[in-house]
PDB file of N, CA and C in Angstrom:
ATOM      1  N   MET A   1     100.281 121.834 109.025  1.00  0.00           N
ATOM      2  CA  MET A   1      99.850 120.549 108.513  1.00  0.00           C
ATOM      3  C   MET A   1      98.715 120.005 109.384  1.00  0.00           C
ATOM      4  N   LEU A   2      97.887 119.230 108.760  1.00  0.00           N
ATOM      5  CA  LEU A   2      96.701 118.713 109.422  1.00  0.00           C
ATOM      6  C   LEU A   2      96.774 117.181 109.357  1.00  0.00           C
ATOM      7  N   ILE A   3      96.718 116.555 110.544  1.00  0.00           N
ATOM      8  CA  ILE A   3      96.691 115.074 110.550  1.00  0.00           C
ATOM      9  C   ILE A   3      95.286 114.621 110.333  1.00  0.00           C
ATOM     10  N   ILE A   4      95.108 113.634 109.427  1.00  0.00           N
ATOM     11  CA  ILE A   4      93.738 113.157 109.210  1.00  0.00           C
ATOM     12  C   ILE A   4      93.468 111.790 109.793  1.00  0.00           C
ATOM     13  N   LEU A   5      94.511 110.961 109.852  1.00  0.00           N
ATOM     14  CA  LEU A   5      94.289 109.636 110.428  1.00  0.00           C
ATOM     15  C   LEU A   5      95.601 109.017 110.837  1.00  0.00           C
ATOM     16  N   LYS A   6      95.520 108.057 111.706  1.00  0.00           N
ATOM     17  CA  LYS A   6      96.684 107.287 112.109  1.00  0.00           C
ATOM     18  C   LYS A   6      96.273 105.833 111.892  1.00  0.00           C
ATOM     19  N   LYS A   7      96.846 105.197 110.929  1.00  0.00           N
ATOM     20  CA  LYS A   7      96.424 103.843 110.528  1.00  0.00           C
ATOM     21  C   LYS A   7      97.674 103.001 110.372  1.00  0.00           C
ATOM     22  N   ASP A   8      97.658 101.837 110.944  1.00  0.00           N
ATOM     23  CA  ASP A   8      98.797 100.930 110.860  1.00  0.00           C
ATOM     24  C   ASP A   8     100.044 101.588 111.382  1.00  0.00           C
ATOM     25  N   THR A   9     101.074 101.784 110.568  1.00  0.00           N
ATOM     26  CA  THR A   9     102.298 102.369 111.040  1.00  0.00           C
ATOM     27  C   THR A   9     102.565 103.761 110.529  1.00  0.00           C
ATOM     28  N   TYR A  10     101.821 104.242 109.582  1.00  0.00           N
ATOM     29  CA  TYR A  10     102.078 105.564 109.014  1.00  0.00           C
ATOM     30  C   TYR A  10     101.026 106.561 109.420  1.00  0.00           C
ATOM     31  N   GLU A  11     101.487 107.759 109.796  1.00  0.00           N
ATOM     32  CA  GLU A  11     100.599 108.867 110.020  1.00  0.00           C
ATOM     33  C   GLU A  11     100.482 109.667 108.748  1.00  0.00           C
ATOM     34  N   VAL A  12      99.308 110.137 108.366  1.00  0.00           N
ATOM     35  CA  VAL A  12      99.131 110.890 107.154  1.00  0.00           C
ATOM     36  C   VAL A  12      98.877 112.337 107.493  1.00  0.00           C
ATOM     37  N   TYR A  13      99.683 113.206 106.924  1.00  0.00           N
ATOM     38  CA  TYR A  13      99.552 114.647 107.094  1.00  0.00           C
ATOM     39  C   TYR A  13      99.186 115.264 105.739  1.00  0.00           C
ATOM     40  N   ILE A  14      98.321 116.243 105.766  1.00  0.00           N
ATOM     41  CA  ILE A  14      97.946 116.923 104.529  1.00  0.00           C
ATOM     42  C   ILE A  14      98.422 118.367 104.640  1.00  0.00           C
ATOM     43  N   THR A  15      99.219 118.818 103.656  1.00  0.00           N
ATOM     44  CA  THR A  15      99.682 120.203 103.664  1.00  0.00           C
ATOM     45  C   THR A  15      98.480 121.139 103.456  1.00  0.00           C
ATOM     46  N   ASN A  16      98.675 122.392 103.777  1.00  0.00           N
ATOM     47  CA  ASN A  16      97.608 123.387 103.600  1.00  0.00           C
ATOM     48  C   ASN A  16      97.205 123.494 102.144  1.00  0.00           C
ATOM     49  N   LYS A  17      98.159 123.408 101.232  1.00  0.00           N
ATOM     50  CA  LYS A  17      97.893 123.458  99.796  1.00  0.00           C
ATOM     51  C   LYS A  17      96.991 122.304  99.349  1.00  0.00           C
ATOM     52  N   ALA A  18      97.306 121.088  99.804  1.00  0.00           N
ATOM     53  CA  ALA A  18      96.503 119.966  99.465  1.00  0.00           C
ATOM     54  C   ALA A  18      95.105 120.020 100.094  1.00  0.00           C
ATOM     55  N   ASP A  19      95.070 120.556 101.347  1.00  0.00           N
ATOM     56  CA  ASP A  19      93.792 120.726 102.050  1.00  0.00           C
ATOM     57  C   ASP A  19      92.862 121.654 101.302  1.00  0.00           C
ATOM     58  N   LYS A  20      93.412 122.736 100.780  1.00  0.00           N
ATOM     59  CA  LYS A  20      92.587 123.674 100.011  1.00  0.00           C
ATOM     60  C   LYS A  20      92.049 123.005  98.749  1.00  0.00           C
ATOM     61  N   SER A  21      92.883 122.221  98.117  1.00  0.00           N
ATOM     62  CA  SER A  21      92.500 121.531  96.892  1.00  0.00           C
ATOM     63  C   SER A  21      91.355 120.546  97.186  1.00  0.00           C
ATOM     64  N   LEU A  22      91.483 119.833  98.307  1.00  0.00           N
ATOM     65  CA  LEU A  22      90.419 118.881  98.699  1.00  0.00           C
ATOM     66  C   LEU A  22      89.090 119.572  98.966  1.00  0.00           C
ATOM     67  N   HIS A  23      89.176 120.777  99.586  1.00  0.00           N
ATOM     68  CA  HIS A  23      87.940 121.523  99.835  1.00  0.00           C
ATOM     69  C   HIS A  23      87.280 121.986  98.545  1.00  0.00           C
ATOM     70  N   LYS A  24      88.067 122.408  97.594  1.00  0.00           N
ATOM     71  CA  LYS A  24      87.543 122.830  96.297  1.00  0.00           C
ATOM     72  C   LYS A  24      86.889 121.670  95.577  1.00  0.00           C
ATOM     73  N   ILE A  25      87.545 120.489  95.629  1.00  0.00           N
ATOM     74  CA  ILE A  25      86.986 119.310  94.962  1.00  0.00           C
ATOM     75  C   ILE A  25      85.688 118.880  95.682  1.00  0.00           C
ATOM     76  N   ALA A  26      85.639 118.978  97.004  1.00  0.00           N
ATOM     77  CA  ALA A  26      84.443 118.613  97.734  1.00  0.00           C
ATOM     78  C   ALA A  26      83.258 119.461  97.356  1.00  0.00           C
ATOM     79  N   LYS A  27      83.492 120.763  97.107  1.00  0.00           N
ATOM     80  CA  LYS A  27      82.396 121.645  96.684  1.00  0.00           C
ATOM     81  C   LYS A  27      81.884 121.315  95.319  1.00  0.00           C
ATOM     82  N   LYS A  28      82.804 120.937  94.417  1.00  0.00           N
ATOM     83  CA  LYS A  28      82.419 120.697  93.026  1.00  0.00           C
ATOM     84  C   LYS A  28      81.880 119.274  92.790  1.00  0.00           C
ATOM     85  N   ASP A  29      82.532 118.306  93.390  1.00  0.00           N
ATOM     86  CA  ASP A  29      82.274 116.915  93.031  1.00  0.00           C
ATOM     87  C   ASP A  29      82.228 116.041  94.281  1.00  0.00           C
ATOM     88  N   LYS A  30      81.059 115.795  94.785  1.00  0.00           N
ATOM     89  CA  LYS A  30      80.878 115.023  96.047  1.00  0.00           C
ATOM     90  C   LYS A  30      81.364 113.595  95.891  1.00  0.00           C
ATOM     91  N   GLY A  31      81.140 112.977  94.721  1.00  0.00           N
ATOM     92  CA  GLY A  31      81.530 111.570  94.493  1.00  0.00           C
ATOM     93  C   GLY A  31      83.026 111.411  94.501  1.00  0.00           C
ATOM     94  N   SER A  32      83.752 112.339  93.892  1.00  0.00           N
ATOM     95  CA  SER A  32      85.203 112.215  93.795  1.00  0.00           C
ATOM     96  C   SER A  32      85.857 112.387  95.151  1.00  0.00           C
ATOM     97  N   ILE A  33      85.335 113.199  96.013  1.00  0.00           N
ATOM     98  CA  ILE A  33      85.976 113.411  97.309  1.00  0.00           C
ATOM     99  C   ILE A  33      85.948 112.124  98.132  1.00  0.00           C
ATOM    100  N   LYS A  34      84.925 111.345  98.004  1.00  0.00           N
ATOM    101  CA  LYS A  34      84.835 110.067  98.715  1.00  0.00           C
ATOM    102  C   LYS A  34      85.927 109.120  98.252  1.00  0.00           C
ATOM    103  N   THR A  35      86.083 109.022  96.939  1.00  0.00           N
ATOM    104  CA  THR A  35      87.115 108.110  96.417  1.00  0.00           C
ATOM    105  C   THR A  35      88.504 108.613  96.698  1.00  0.00           C
ATOM    106  N   LEU A  36      88.706 109.933  96.722  1.00  0.00           N
ATOM    107  CA  LEU A  36      90.013 110.473  97.058  1.00  0.00           C
ATOM    108  C   LEU A  36      90.372 110.173  98.520  1.00  0.00           C
ATOM    109  N   LEU A  37      89.421 110.352  99.443  1.00  0.00           N
ATOM    110  CA  LEU A  37      89.699 110.044 100.842  1.00  0.00           C
ATOM    111  C   LEU A  37      89.964 108.541 101.058  1.00  0.00           C
ATOM    112  N   LYS A  38      89.272 107.732 100.294  1.00  0.00           N
ATOM    113  CA  LYS A  38      89.506 106.265 100.374  1.00  0.00           C
ATOM    114  C   LYS A  38      90.915 105.988  99.852  1.00  0.00           C
ATOM    115  N   ALA A  39      91.354 106.655  98.787  1.00  0.00           N
ATOM    116  CA  ALA A  39      92.683 106.457  98.257  1.00  0.00           C
ATOM    117  C   ALA A  39      93.744 106.907  99.261  1.00  0.00           C
ATOM    118  N   ILE A  40      93.495 107.969  99.984  1.00  0.00           N
ATOM    119  CA  ILE A  40      94.458 108.441 100.999  1.00  0.00           C
ATOM    120  C   ILE A  40      94.542 107.440 102.136  1.00  0.00           C
ATOM    121  N   LYS A  41      93.453 106.820 102.511  1.00  0.00           N
ATOM    122  CA  LYS A  41      93.498 105.787 103.519  1.00  0.00           C
ATOM    123  C   LYS A  41      94.319 104.587 103.054  1.00  0.00           C
ATOM    124  N   ASN A  42      94.170 104.249 101.772  1.00  0.00           N
ATOM    125  CA  ASN A  42      94.940 103.130 101.213  1.00  0.00           C
ATOM    126  C   ASN A  42      96.453 103.464 101.165  1.00  0.00           C
ATOM    127  N   ILE A  43      96.758 104.752 100.953  1.00  0.00           N
ATOM    128  CA  ILE A  43      98.180 105.146 100.981  1.00  0.00           C
ATOM    129  C   ILE A  43      98.769 104.867 102.373  1.00  0.00           C
ATOM    130  N   ALA A  44      97.995 105.129 103.428  1.00  0.00           N
ATOM    131  CA  ALA A  44      98.468 104.895 104.785  1.00  0.00           C
ATOM    132  C   ALA A  44      98.747 103.426 105.029  1.00  0.00           C
ATOM    133  N   LYS A  45      97.985 102.561 104.405  1.00  0.00           N
ATOM    134  CA  LYS A  45      98.196 101.113 104.579  1.00  0.00           C
ATOM    135  C   LYS A  45      99.476 100.641 103.853  1.00  0.00           C
ATOM    136  N   ASP A  46      99.610 101.045 102.623  1.00  0.00           N
ATOM    137  CA  ASP A  46     100.764 100.607 101.806  1.00  0.00           C
ATOM    138  C   ASP A  46     101.203 101.743 100.887  1.00  0.00           C
ATOM    139  N   PRO A  47     102.048 102.640 101.359  1.00  0.00           N
ATOM    140  CA  PRO A  47     102.483 103.782 100.518  1.00  0.00           C
ATOM    141  C   PRO A  47     103.353 103.371  99.336  1.00  0.00           C
ATOM    142  N   TYR A  48     103.901 102.178  99.347  1.00  0.00           N
ATOM    143  CA  TYR A  48     104.771 101.774  98.271  1.00  0.00           C
ATOM    144  C   TYR A  48     104.001 101.146  97.117  1.00  0.00           C
ATOM    145  N   ASP A  49     102.687 101.078  97.239  1.00  0.00           N
ATOM    146  CA  ASP A  49     101.834 100.649  96.117  1.00  0.00           C
ATOM    147  C   ASP A  49     101.463 101.895  95.338  1.00  0.00           C
ATOM    148  N   SER A  50     102.532 102.573  94.829  1.00  0.00           N
ATOM    149  CA  SER A  50     102.358 103.819  94.104  1.00  0.00           C
ATOM    150  C   SER A  50     103.534 103.975  93.151  1.00  0.00           C
ATOM    151  N   LYS A  51     103.449 105.000  92.321  1.00  0.00           N
ATOM    152  CA  LYS A  51     104.476 105.211  91.338  1.00  0.00           C
ATOM    153  C   LYS A  51     105.454 106.301  91.792  1.00  0.00           C
ATOM    154  N   THR A  52     106.766 106.054  91.585  1.00  0.00           N
ATOM    155  CA  THR A  52     107.747 107.109  91.906  1.00  0.00           C
ATOM    156  C   THR A  52     107.792 108.121  90.796  1.00  0.00           C
ATOM    157  N   LEU A  53     108.045 109.363  91.122  1.00  0.00           N
ATOM    158  CA  LEU A  53     108.116 110.409  90.117  1.00  0.00           C
ATOM    159  C   LEU A  53     109.530 110.742  89.751  1.00  0.00           C
ATOM    160  N   LYS A  54     109.689 111.347  88.570  1.00  0.00           N
ATOM    161  CA  LYS A  54     111.007 111.704  88.042  1.00  0.00           C
ATOM    162  C   LYS A  54     111.124 113.177  87.894  1.00  0.00           C
ATOM    163  N   GLY A  55     112.297 113.624  87.468  1.00  0.00           N
ATOM    164  CA  GLY A  55     112.528 115.022  87.170  1.00  0.00           C
ATOM    165  C   GLY A  55     112.509 115.878  88.415  1.00  0.00           C
ATOM    166  N   LYS A  56     111.839 117.036  88.344  1.00  0.00           N
ATOM    167  CA  LYS A  56     111.885 117.957  89.441  1.00  0.00           C
ATOM    168  C   LYS A  56     111.056 117.431  90.632  1.00  0.00           C
ATOM    169  N   LEU A  57     110.261 116.427  90.437  1.00  0.00           N
ATOM    170  CA  LEU A  57     109.456 115.835  91.512  1.00  0.00           C
ATOM    171  C   LEU A  57     110.109 114.567  92.072  1.00  0.00           C
ATOM    172  N   LYS A  58     111.370 114.309  91.720  1.00  0.00           N
ATOM    173  CA  LYS A  58     112.071 113.110  92.178  1.00  0.00           C
ATOM    174  C   LYS A  58     112.048 113.024  93.712  1.00  0.00           C
ATOM    175  N   GLY A  59     111.785 111.836  94.214  1.00  0.00           N
ATOM    176  CA  GLY A  59     111.698 111.674  95.647  1.00  0.00           C
ATOM    177  C   GLY A  59     110.277 111.630  96.137  1.00  0.00           C
ATOM    178  N   ASN A  60     109.354 112.056  95.303  1.00  0.00           N
ATOM    179  CA  ASN A  60     107.932 111.994  95.639  1.00  0.00           C
ATOM    180  C   ASN A  60     107.284 110.813  94.958  1.00  0.00           C
ATOM    181  N   ARG A  61     106.082 110.504  95.358  1.00  0.00           N
ATOM    182  CA  ARG A  61     105.302 109.419  94.773  1.00  0.00           C
ATOM    183  C   ARG A  61     103.935 109.929  94.392  1.00  0.00           C
ATOM    184  N   ARG A  62     103.224 109.150  93.571  1.00  0.00           N
ATOM    185  CA  ARG A  62     101.874 109.559  93.230  1.00  0.00           C
ATOM    186  C   ARG A  62     100.961 108.330  93.134  1.00  0.00           C
ATOM    187  N   VAL A  63      99.691 108.612  93.417  1.00  0.00           N
ATOM    188  CA  VAL A  63      98.614 107.666  93.235  1.00  0.00           C
ATOM    189  C   VAL A  63      97.632 108.265  92.264  1.00  0.00           C
ATOM    190  N   ARG A  64      97.205 107.467  91.347  1.00  0.00           N
ATOM    191  CA  ARG A  64      96.229 107.928  90.353  1.00  0.00           C
ATOM    192  C   ARG A  64      94.811 107.574  90.783  1.00  0.00           C
ATOM    193  N   ASN A  65      93.983 108.566  90.785  1.00  0.00           N
ATOM    194  CA  ASN A  65      92.542 108.353  91.053  1.00  0.00           C
ATOM    195  C   ASN A  65      91.822 109.231  90.095  1.00  0.00           C
ATOM    196  N   ASP A  66      91.604 108.671  88.908  1.00  0.00           N
ATOM    197  CA  ASP A  66      91.108 109.488  87.767  1.00  0.00           C
ATOM    198  C   ASP A  66      89.940 110.350  88.113  1.00  0.00           C
ATOM    199  N   PRO A  67      89.964 111.593  87.710  1.00  0.00           N
ATOM    200  CA  PRO A  67      90.994 112.310  86.916  1.00  0.00           C
ATOM    201  C   PRO A  67      92.030 113.006  87.799  1.00  0.00           C
ATOM    202  N   TYR A  68      92.110 112.646  89.059  1.00  0.00           N
ATOM    203  CA  TYR A  68      92.972 113.338  90.004  1.00  0.00           C
ATOM    204  C   TYR A  68      94.248 112.537  90.283  1.00  0.00           C
ATOM    205  N   ARG A  69      95.271 113.265  90.756  1.00  0.00           N
ATOM    206  CA  ARG A  69      96.510 112.664  91.197  1.00  0.00           C
ATOM    207  C   ARG A  69      96.793 113.136  92.615  1.00  0.00           C
ATOM    208  N   ILE A  70      97.272 112.215  93.425  1.00  0.00           N
ATOM    209  CA  ILE A  70      97.658 112.537  94.793  1.00  0.00           C
ATOM    210  C   ILE A  70      99.180 112.440  94.879  1.00  0.00           C
ATOM    211  N   ILE A  71      99.852 113.550  95.105  1.00  0.00           N
ATOM    212  CA  ILE A  71     101.303 113.575  95.194  1.00  0.00           C
ATOM    213  C   ILE A  71     101.694 113.589  96.659  1.00  0.00           C
ATOM    214  N   PHE A  72     102.613 112.694  97.040  1.00  0.00           N
ATOM    215  CA  PHE A  72     103.002 112.590  98.446  1.00  0.00           C
ATOM    216  C   PHE A  72     104.460 112.188  98.615  1.00  0.00           C
ATOM    217  N   GLN A  73     104.951 112.405  99.852  1.00  0.00           N
ATOM    218  CA  GLN A  73     106.297 112.011 100.231  1.00  0.00           C
ATOM    219  C   GLN A  73     106.184 111.040 101.409  1.00  0.00           C
ATOM    220  N   ILE A  74     107.128 110.117 101.470  1.00  0.00           N
ATOM    221  CA  ILE A  74     107.201 109.152 102.579  1.00  0.00           C
ATOM    222  C   ILE A  74     108.392 109.501 103.411  1.00  0.00           C
ATOM    223  N   ASP A  75     108.198 109.667 104.704  1.00  0.00           N
ATOM    224  CA  ASP A  75     109.289 109.894 105.635  1.00  0.00           C
ATOM    225  C   ASP A  75     109.378 108.664 106.563  1.00  0.00           C
ATOM    226  N   ASN A  76     110.306 107.756 106.232  1.00  0.00           N
ATOM    227  CA  ASN A  76     110.415 106.508 106.991  1.00  0.00           C
ATOM    228  C   ASN A  76     110.975 106.704 108.374  1.00  0.00           C
ATOM    229  N   ASN A  77     111.752 107.767 108.596  1.00  0.00           N
ATOM    230  CA  ASN A  77     112.315 108.015 109.922  1.00  0.00           C
ATOM    231  C   ASN A  77     111.211 108.332 110.926  1.00  0.00           C
ATOM    232  N   LEU A  78     110.207 109.094 110.470  1.00  0.00           N
ATOM    233  CA  LEU A  78     109.092 109.480 111.372  1.00  0.00           C
ATOM    234  C   LEU A  78     107.842 108.641 111.157  1.00  0.00           C
ATOM    235  N   ASN A  79     107.892 107.684 110.233  1.00  0.00           N
ATOM    236  CA  ASN A  79     106.718 106.857 109.864  1.00  0.00           C
ATOM    237  C   ASN A  79     105.533 107.762 109.524  1.00  0.00           C
ATOM    238  N   GLN A  80     105.789 108.688 108.625  1.00  0.00           N
ATOM    239  CA  GLN A  80     104.702 109.567 108.250  1.00  0.00           C
ATOM    240  C   GLN A  80     104.681 109.785 106.738  1.00  0.00           C
ATOM    241  N   ILE A  81     103.520 110.128 106.270  1.00  0.00           N
ATOM    242  CA  ILE A  81     103.304 110.413 104.836  1.00  0.00           C
ATOM    243  C   ILE A  81     102.776 111.858 104.761  1.00  0.00           C
ATOM    244  N   ASN A  82     103.385 112.645 103.904  1.00  0.00           N
ATOM    245  CA  ASN A  82     102.966 114.038 103.702  1.00  0.00           C
ATOM    246  C   ASN A  82     102.275 114.144 102.313  1.00  0.00           C
ATOM    247  N   ILE A  83     100.953 114.432 102.324  1.00  0.00           N
ATOM    248  CA  ILE A  83     100.244 114.641 101.085  1.00  0.00           C
ATOM    249  C   ILE A  83     100.543 116.065 100.660  1.00  0.00           C
ATOM    250  N   LEU A  84     101.229 116.211  99.510  1.00  0.00           N
ATOM    251  CA  LEU A  84     101.644 117.526  99.033  1.00  0.00           C
ATOM    252  C   LEU A  84     100.601 118.234  98.150  1.00  0.00           C
ATOM    253  N   GLU A  85      99.939 117.464  97.303  1.00  0.00           N
ATOM    254  CA  GLU A  85      99.019 118.074  96.323  1.00  0.00           C
ATOM    255  C   GLU A  85      97.974 117.067  95.912  1.00  0.00           C
ATOM    256  N   VAL A  86      96.766 117.518  95.712  1.00  0.00           N
ATOM    257  CA  VAL A  86      95.701 116.718  95.105  1.00  0.00           C
ATOM    258  C   VAL A  86      95.061 117.625  94.067  1.00  0.00           C
ATOM    259  N   GLU A  87      95.163 117.216  92.830  1.00  0.00           N
ATOM    260  CA  GLU A  87      94.667 118.060  91.737  1.00  0.00           C
ATOM    261  C   GLU A  87      94.480 117.204  90.483  1.00  0.00           C
ATOM    262  N   ARG A  88      93.816 117.774  89.509  1.00  0.00           N
ATOM    263  CA  ARG A  88      93.632 117.093  88.213  1.00  0.00           C
ATOM    264  C   ARG A  88      94.974 116.897  87.555  1.00  0.00           C
ATOM    265  N   ARG A  89      95.079 115.855  86.750  1.00  0.00           N
ATOM    266  CA  ARG A  89      96.333 115.504  86.101  1.00  0.00           C
ATOM    267  C   ARG A  89      96.969 116.644  85.297  1.00  0.00           C
ATOM    268  N   ASN A  90      96.161 117.344  84.546  1.00  0.00           N
ATOM    269  CA  ASN A  90      96.668 118.398  83.685  1.00  0.00           C
ATOM    270  C   ASN A  90      97.196 119.613  84.463  1.00  0.00           C
ATOM    271  N   LYS A  91      96.876 119.694  85.752  1.00  0.00           N
ATOM    272  CA  LYS A  91      97.317 120.845  86.561  1.00  0.00           C
ATOM    273  C   LYS A  91      98.363 120.505  87.613  1.00  0.00           C
ATOM    274  N   VAL A  92      98.334 119.297  88.128  1.00  0.00           N
ATOM    275  CA  VAL A  92      99.128 118.949  89.328  1.00  0.00           C
ATOM    276  C   VAL A  92     100.614 119.032  89.060  1.00  0.00           C
ATOM    277  N   TYR A  93     101.098 118.624  87.909  1.00  0.00           N
ATOM    278  CA  TYR A  93     102.525 118.646  87.663  1.00  0.00           C
ATOM    279  C   TYR A  93     103.053 120.033  87.395  1.00  0.00           C
ATOM    280  N   LYS A  94     102.200 120.954  87.016  1.00  0.00           N
ATOM    281  CA  LYS A  94     102.589 122.329  86.725  1.00  0.00           C
ATOM    282  C   LYS A  94     102.692 123.137  88.020  1.00  0.00           C
ATOM    283  N   LYS A  95     101.884 122.759  89.060  1.00  0.00           N
ATOM    284  CA  LYS A  95     101.817 123.541  90.261  1.00  0.00           C
ATOM    285  C   LYS A  95     103.029 123.334  91.205  1.00  0.00           C
ATOM    286  N   ILE A  96     103.519 122.128  91.219  1.00  0.00           N
ATOM    287  CA  ILE A  96     104.584 121.769  92.174  1.00  0.00           C
ATOM    288  C   ILE A  96     105.932 122.223  91.610  1.00  0.00           C
TER     289      ILE A  96
END
């Protein structure tokens, strides 16, 4: 896992899978990567300003940043957020 920032009370970690996705997006779409990184910073400030997921992804949360989704978990015991996946909507729910 790779730590990208420590802001307020939550540390944000990006899994290797999500890191690879971010690198692919950065190569294809420079504008989207800036908005995605800004969204990740906002998650660190208030992770509960997001939608809870159902079904096999129960326990995870997501933030929408069209056309991408950021799937993450909150660990309140360690005050950390784990970014699990960053991908387009039509692909992200199939991968996890």
